[in-house]
Structure formats: C-alpha cells, structure tokens
Amino acid sequence: MPIKPDQLAFECDDVEGPQLNLYVTLGMLATSTTLVAFCTQFAVDSIDNLSQRANISMAFIGLVLLPILNNDLAPITHALADEMDRTIDVTVGKCLQTALFVTPLMVLLAWPMKIDNMTLSFNGFEIVSLFASVLLLNYLIMEGESTWIQGVLLVADWALIAIAAFFAE
C-alpha cells in the first residue's frame, strides 16, 4: 500500500530558535580566537627556551609535545561511546587535513613573510617515521574493523617515534 503525501507531514513544535544573540556569539568568537592566539604565541615563544633548558631536541618537540597540545577530545568521546568508526574517521580526517592543507598553507604563508627555514624539505628520520606510520595505519584500517591489539600497535608506533625523536640530533 503506497504512502500518501499527507501521511508524511508532521509538525515540529519542539524546534527552538537560537539561544544567543548574534552580537554575543560574534563577541564570544572574537574573544576565544584572541585567547587561542595568545596561548599559541606563548607556546611558540617558549619552544626555544624549553629546548635549551631541558636539552630536548626540536624533533621531539615537533613530533611529540606539540601534537599532545593539539589533542582533540572528539575521538576520545566517540571511543568511550563505542563509536569506533567515528573515532577513526575524525582522527584520520584531522591528520589528512593537517598533512594536505595546513602544512602546505604554512609554507606558502612563510614565503611572503621571508621565513626561510619553513619548507617541505624533511630529513630522513621524519620521512621514515611518516612512511612507517602511514603504512601501519593503512594496514590496520584496511579491514574496516579495529581491535584492542591494533590500538596497542598504534600506541607502540607512537612510542617508538617519541623515543627515537628524543634521542635524535
């Protein structure tokens, strides 16, 4: 028996309008953007001091410490809710966005600012660690399923890169 168009109609009395005024929203956006900019500037300015005082290589700071500061709670929330597909989608999507958009954009923005050491020229350690990580991740998500041992393998890969970066240079 076919469905008639009048059977599909429904009323939405539960739909609420926006809770904040447009000006309050724009003010909050400007305030939070300014605070993030100050925090980022403080973190960037303290990298050289941290590297010299703690005797930590720049590779370790760039490959381990800064990504920890950029940690996103969305994959953790999805993982706790047992939504592993969303966890993998968000994590891999963020990595691809950084690798394919943010990094080349920073290099392109560095050229007019006359920052000479901002290039896409990576050393051998960075290339090998990136290649190994991409290869391992591709192998693990190829089946479309994940197990705890695969997560342990990814954490072990991160730990190996962290240890190697700590003793690099």
C-alpha atoms as a PDB file:
ATOM      1  CA  MET A   1       0.000   0.000   0.000  1.00  0.00           C
ATOM      2  CA  PRO A   2       1.618   3.294  -1.091  1.00  0.00           C
ATOM      3  CA  ILE A   3       2.219   6.101   1.380  1.00  0.00           C
ATOM      4  CA  LYS A   4       0.192   9.236   0.759  1.00  0.00           C
ATOM      5  CA  PRO A   5       1.883  12.651   0.951  1.00  0.00           C
ATOM      6  CA  ASP A   6      -0.369  13.782   3.786  1.00  0.00           C
ATOM      7  CA  GLN A   7       0.860  10.867   5.901  1.00  0.00           C
ATOM      8  CA  LEU A   8       4.438  12.201   5.683  1.00  0.00           C
ATOM      9  CA  ALA A   9       3.581  15.626   7.073  1.00  0.00           C
ATOM     10  CA  PHE A  10       4.459  16.277  10.695  1.00  0.00           C
ATOM     11  CA  GLU A  11       4.575  19.267  12.934  1.00  0.00           C
ATOM     12  CA  CYS A  12       7.697  20.452  14.723  1.00  0.00           C
ATOM     13  CA  ASP A  13       6.642  22.263  17.837  1.00  0.00           C
ATOM     14  CA  ASP A  14       9.815  21.253  19.683  1.00  0.00           C
ATOM     15  CA  VAL A  15      12.184  23.258  17.463  1.00  0.00           C
ATOM     16  CA  GLU A  16      13.781  26.102  19.379  1.00  0.00           C
ATOM     17  CA  GLY A  17      15.420  29.188  17.981  1.00  0.00           C
ATOM     18  CA  PRO A  18      18.956  30.308  18.741  1.00  0.00           C
ATOM     19  CA  GLN A  19      19.711  30.832  22.402  1.00  0.00           C
ATOM     20  CA  LEU A  20      22.307  33.615  21.967  1.00  0.00           C
ATOM     21  CA  ASN A  21      22.125  36.958  20.303  1.00  0.00           C
ATOM     22  CA  LEU A  22      24.207  37.331  17.130  1.00  0.00           C
ATOM     23  CA  TYR A  23      26.392  40.034  18.701  1.00  0.00           C
ATOM     24  CA  VAL A  24      27.055  37.908  21.786  1.00  0.00           C
ATOM     25  CA  THR A  25      28.020  34.983  19.556  1.00  0.00           C
ATOM     26  CA  LEU A  26      30.383  37.118  17.472  1.00  0.00           C
ATOM     27  CA  GLY A  27      31.871  38.591  20.649  1.00  0.00           C
ATOM     28  CA  MET A  28      32.486  35.136  22.097  1.00  0.00           C
ATOM     29  CA  LEU A  29      34.060  34.021  18.823  1.00  0.00           C
ATOM     30  CA  ALA A  30      36.376  37.043  18.783  1.00  0.00           C
ATOM     31  CA  THR A  31      37.282  36.581  22.455  1.00  0.00           C
ATOM     32  CA  SER A  32      38.028  32.865  22.134  1.00  0.00           C
ATOM     33  CA  THR A  33      40.036  33.430  18.931  1.00  0.00           C
ATOM     34  CA  THR A  34      42.094  36.109  20.678  1.00  0.00           C
ATOM     35  CA  LEU A  35      42.746  33.873  23.687  1.00  0.00           C
ATOM     36  CA  VAL A  36      43.775  30.974  21.441  1.00  0.00           C
ATOM     37  CA  ALA A  37      46.127  33.308  19.545  1.00  0.00           C
ATOM     38  CA  PHE A  38      47.763  34.455  22.810  1.00  0.00           C
ATOM     39  CA  CYS A  39      48.132  30.877  24.058  1.00  0.00           C
ATOM     40  CA  THR A  40      49.615  29.782  20.742  1.00  0.00           C
ATOM     41  CA  GLN A  41      52.036  32.706  20.689  1.00  0.00           C
ATOM     42  CA  PHE A  42      53.114  31.918  24.256  1.00  0.00           C
ATOM     43  CA  ALA A  43      53.675  28.243  23.350  1.00  0.00           C
ATOM     44  CA  VAL A  44      55.677  29.111  20.240  1.00  0.00           C
ATOM     45  CA  ASP A  45      57.794  31.681  22.071  1.00  0.00           C
ATOM     46  CA  SER A  46      58.661  29.196  24.815  1.00  0.00           C
ATOM     47  CA  ILE A  47      59.773  26.388  22.469  1.00  0.00           C
ATOM     48  CA  ASP A  48      63.363  27.623  22.094  1.00  0.00           C
ATOM     49  CA  ASN A  49      63.716  28.162  25.835  1.00  0.00           C
ATOM     50  CA  LEU A  50      62.304  24.687  26.542  1.00  0.00           C
ATOM     51  CA  SER A  51      64.637  23.104  24.019  1.00  0.00           C
ATOM     52  CA  GLN A  52      67.721  24.751  25.548  1.00  0.00           C
ATOM     53  CA  ARG A  53      66.857  24.351  29.246  1.00  0.00           C
ATOM     54  CA  ALA A  54      65.566  20.784  29.119  1.00  0.00           C
ATOM     55  CA  ASN A  55      68.059  19.704  26.430  1.00  0.00           C
ATOM     56  CA  ILE A  56      65.230  18.329  24.265  1.00  0.00           C
ATOM     57  CA  SER A  57      65.617  18.110  20.506  1.00  0.00           C
ATOM     58  CA  MET A  58      63.360  20.151  18.247  1.00  0.00           C
ATOM     59  CA  ALA A  59      62.291  16.896  16.553  1.00  0.00           C
ATOM     60  CA  PHE A  60      60.892  15.635  19.864  1.00  0.00           C
ATOM     61  CA  ILE A  61      59.073  18.908  20.493  1.00  0.00           C
ATOM     62  CA  GLY A  62      57.597  18.973  16.981  1.00  0.00           C
ATOM     63  CA  LEU A  63      56.675  15.297  16.725  1.00  0.00           C
ATOM     64  CA  VAL A  64      55.583  14.557  20.301  1.00  0.00           C
ATOM     65  CA  LEU A  65      54.917  17.574  22.522  1.00  0.00           C
ATOM     66  CA  LEU A  66      53.105  19.895  20.108  1.00  0.00           C
ATOM     67  CA  PRO A  67      50.674  17.210  18.883  1.00  0.00           C
ATOM     68  CA  ILE A  68      49.811  16.455  22.513  1.00  0.00           C
ATOM     69  CA  LEU A  69      48.944  20.135  22.977  1.00  0.00           C
ATOM     70  CA  ASN A  70      46.744  19.876  19.888  1.00  0.00           C
ATOM     71  CA  ASN A  71      44.821  16.929  21.326  1.00  0.00           C
ATOM     72  CA  ASP A  72      41.155  16.781  20.354  1.00  0.00           C
ATOM     73  CA  LEU A  73      38.575  15.297  22.718  1.00  0.00           C
ATOM     74  CA  ALA A  74      36.122  14.292  19.962  1.00  0.00           C
ATOM     75  CA  PRO A  75      37.843  10.955  19.128  1.00  0.00           C
ATOM     76  CA  ILE A  76      38.133  10.141  22.829  1.00  0.00           C
ATOM     77  CA  THR A  77      34.432  10.869  23.342  1.00  0.00           C
ATOM     78  CA  HIS A  78      33.477   8.716  20.354  1.00  0.00           C
ATOM     79  CA  ALA A  79      35.740   5.902  21.554  1.00  0.00           C
ATOM     80  CA  LEU A  80      34.167   5.967  25.019  1.00  0.00           C
ATOM     81  CA  ALA A  81      30.732   5.753  23.371  1.00  0.00           C
ATOM     82  CA  ASP A  82      31.979   2.693  21.410  1.00  0.00           C
ATOM     83  CA  GLU A  83      31.692   4.532  18.077  1.00  0.00           C
ATOM     84  CA  MET A  84      34.990   3.318  16.660  1.00  0.00           C
ATOM     85  CA  ASP A  85      34.098   4.182  13.065  1.00  0.00           C
ATOM     86  CA  ARG A  86      33.596   7.837  14.029  1.00  0.00           C
ATOM     87  CA  THR A  87      36.793   7.758  16.107  1.00  0.00           C
ATOM     88  CA  ILE A  88      38.839   6.567  13.150  1.00  0.00           C
ATOM     89  CA  ASP A  89      37.096   8.985  10.764  1.00  0.00           C
ATOM     90  CA  VAL A  90      37.773  12.004  12.972  1.00  0.00           C
ATOM     91  CA  THR A  91      41.375  11.058  13.721  1.00  0.00           C
ATOM     92  CA  VAL A  92      42.388  10.169  10.181  1.00  0.00           C
ATOM     93  CA  GLY A  93      40.482  13.164   8.816  1.00  0.00           C
ATOM     94  CA  LYS A  94      42.333  15.545  11.110  1.00  0.00           C
ATOM     95  CA  CYS A  95      45.677  14.016  10.141  1.00  0.00           C
ATOM     96  CA  LEU A  96      44.876  14.315   6.450  1.00  0.00           C
ATOM     97  CA  GLN A  97      43.711  17.889   6.899  1.00  0.00           C
ATOM     98  CA  THR A  98      46.976  18.784   8.599  1.00  0.00           C
ATOM     99  CA  ALA A  99      49.149  16.950   6.091  1.00  0.00           C
ATOM    100  CA  LEU A 100      47.396  18.082   2.922  1.00  0.00           C
ATOM    101  CA  PHE A 101      46.169  21.573   3.835  1.00  0.00           C
ATOM    102  CA  VAL A 102      47.656  23.140   6.952  1.00  0.00           C
ATOM    103  CA  THR A 103      51.315  22.267   6.376  1.00  0.00           C
ATOM    104  CA  PRO A 104      51.474  23.441   2.729  1.00  0.00           C
ATOM    105  CA  LEU A 105      49.483  26.558   3.665  1.00  0.00           C
ATOM    106  CA  MET A 106      52.017  27.440   6.372  1.00  0.00           C
ATOM    107  CA  VAL A 107      54.846  27.036   3.866  1.00  0.00           C
ATOM    108  CA  LEU A 108      53.062  29.270   1.359  1.00  0.00           C
ATOM    109  CA  LEU A 109      52.388  31.890   4.037  1.00  0.00           C
ATOM    110  CA  ALA A 110      56.039  31.778   5.151  1.00  0.00           C
ATOM    111  CA  TRP A 111      57.328  32.836   1.720  1.00  0.00           C
ATOM    112  CA  PRO A 112      55.902  36.384   1.744  1.00  0.00           C
ATOM    113  CA  MET A 113      56.909  36.705   5.415  1.00  0.00           C
ATOM    114  CA  LYS A 114      60.556  35.921   4.458  1.00  0.00           C
ATOM    115  CA  ILE A 115      60.823  32.896   6.763  1.00  0.00           C
ATOM    116  CA  ASP A 116      63.490  30.857   5.008  1.00  0.00           C
ATOM    117  CA  ASN A 117      63.601  27.727   7.167  1.00  0.00           C
ATOM    118  CA  MET A 118      59.892  26.901   6.663  1.00  0.00           C
ATOM    119  CA  THR A 119      59.961  24.366   3.831  1.00  0.00           C
ATOM    120  CA  LEU A 120      58.566  20.966   2.970  1.00  0.00           C
ATOM    121  CA  SER A 121      62.088  19.544   2.965  1.00  0.00           C
ATOM    122  CA  PHE A 122      62.090  16.781   5.576  1.00  0.00           C
ATOM    123  CA  ASN A 123      65.105  14.886   6.886  1.00  0.00           C
ATOM    124  CA  GLY A 124      65.459  11.110   6.684  1.00  0.00           C
ATOM    125  CA  PHE A 125      64.111  10.438  10.178  1.00  0.00           C
ATOM    126  CA  GLU A 126      60.908  12.393   9.532  1.00  0.00           C
ATOM    127  CA  ILE A 127      60.343  10.672   6.183  1.00  0.00           C
ATOM    128  CA  VAL A 128      60.900   7.179   7.583  1.00  0.00           C
ATOM    129  CA  SER A 129      58.686   7.771  10.628  1.00  0.00           C
ATOM    130  CA  LEU A 130      55.907   9.260   8.493  1.00  0.00           C
ATOM    131  CA  PHE A 131      56.110   6.414   5.971  1.00  0.00           C
ATOM    132  CA  ALA A 132      56.066   3.750   8.706  1.00  0.00           C
ATOM    133  CA  SER A 133      53.101   5.393  10.444  1.00  0.00           C
ATOM    134  CA  VAL A 134      51.085   5.725   7.234  1.00  0.00           C
ATOM    135  CA  LEU A 135      51.876   2.137   6.250  1.00  0.00           C
ATOM    136  CA  LEU A 136      50.859   0.795   9.668  1.00  0.00           C
ATOM    137  CA  LEU A 137      47.672   2.868   9.806  1.00  0.00           C
ATOM    138  CA  ASN A 138      46.681   1.807   6.285  1.00  0.00           C
ATOM    139  CA  TYR A 139      47.223  -1.835   7.181  1.00  0.00           C
ATOM    140  CA  LEU A 140      45.185  -1.529  10.382  1.00  0.00           C
ATOM    141  CA  ILE A 141      42.140   0.286   8.962  1.00  0.00           C
ATOM    142  CA  MET A 142      42.038  -1.641   5.681  1.00  0.00           C
ATOM    143  CA  GLU A 143      39.603  -4.228   7.067  1.00  0.00           C
ATOM    144  CA  GLY A 144      37.178  -1.651   8.436  1.00  0.00           C
ATOM    145  CA  GLU A 145      37.330  -3.177  11.921  1.00  0.00           C
ATOM    146  CA  SER A 146      39.530  -2.457  14.873  1.00  0.00           C
ATOM    147  CA  THR A 147      40.617  -4.438  17.894  1.00  0.00           C
ATOM    148  CA  TRP A 148      42.476  -3.520  21.029  1.00  0.00           C
ATOM    149  CA  ILE A 149      45.705  -5.065  19.734  1.00  0.00           C
ATOM    150  CA  GLN A 150      45.616  -2.708  16.749  1.00  0.00           C
ATOM    151  CA  GLY A 151      45.312   0.221  19.129  1.00  0.00           C
ATOM    152  CA  VAL A 152      48.279  -1.110  21.085  1.00  0.00           C
ATOM    153  CA  LEU A 153      50.258  -1.301  17.827  1.00  0.00           C
ATOM    154  CA  LEU A 154      49.470   2.338  17.042  1.00  0.00           C
ATOM    155  CA  VAL A 155      50.453   3.444  20.559  1.00  0.00           C
ATOM    156  CA  ALA A 156      53.672   1.410  20.263  1.00  0.00           C
ATOM    157  CA  ASP A 157      54.410   3.105  16.926  1.00  0.00           C
ATOM    158  CA  TRP A 158      53.906   6.497  18.577  1.00  0.00           C
ATOM    159  CA  ALA A 159      56.155   5.465  21.486  1.00  0.00           C
ATOM    160  CA  LEU A 160      58.915   4.308  19.127  1.00  0.00           C
ATOM    161  CA  ILE A 161      58.786   7.588  17.226  1.00  0.00           C
ATOM    162  CA  ALA A 162      58.803   9.514  20.526  1.00  0.00           C
ATOM    163  CA  ILE A 163      61.847   7.615  21.824  1.00  0.00           C
ATOM    164  CA  ALA A 164      63.707   7.984  18.525  1.00  0.00           C
ATOM    165  CA  ALA A 165      62.877  11.707  18.356  1.00  0.00           C
ATOM    166  CA  PHE A 166      64.031  12.209  21.945  1.00  0.00           C
ATOM    167  CA  PHE A 167      67.478  10.846  21.126  1.00  0.00           C
ATOM    168  CA  ALA A 168      67.660  12.392  17.620  1.00  0.00           C
ATOM    169  CA  GLU A 169      70.153  15.152  16.904  1.00  0.00           C
END
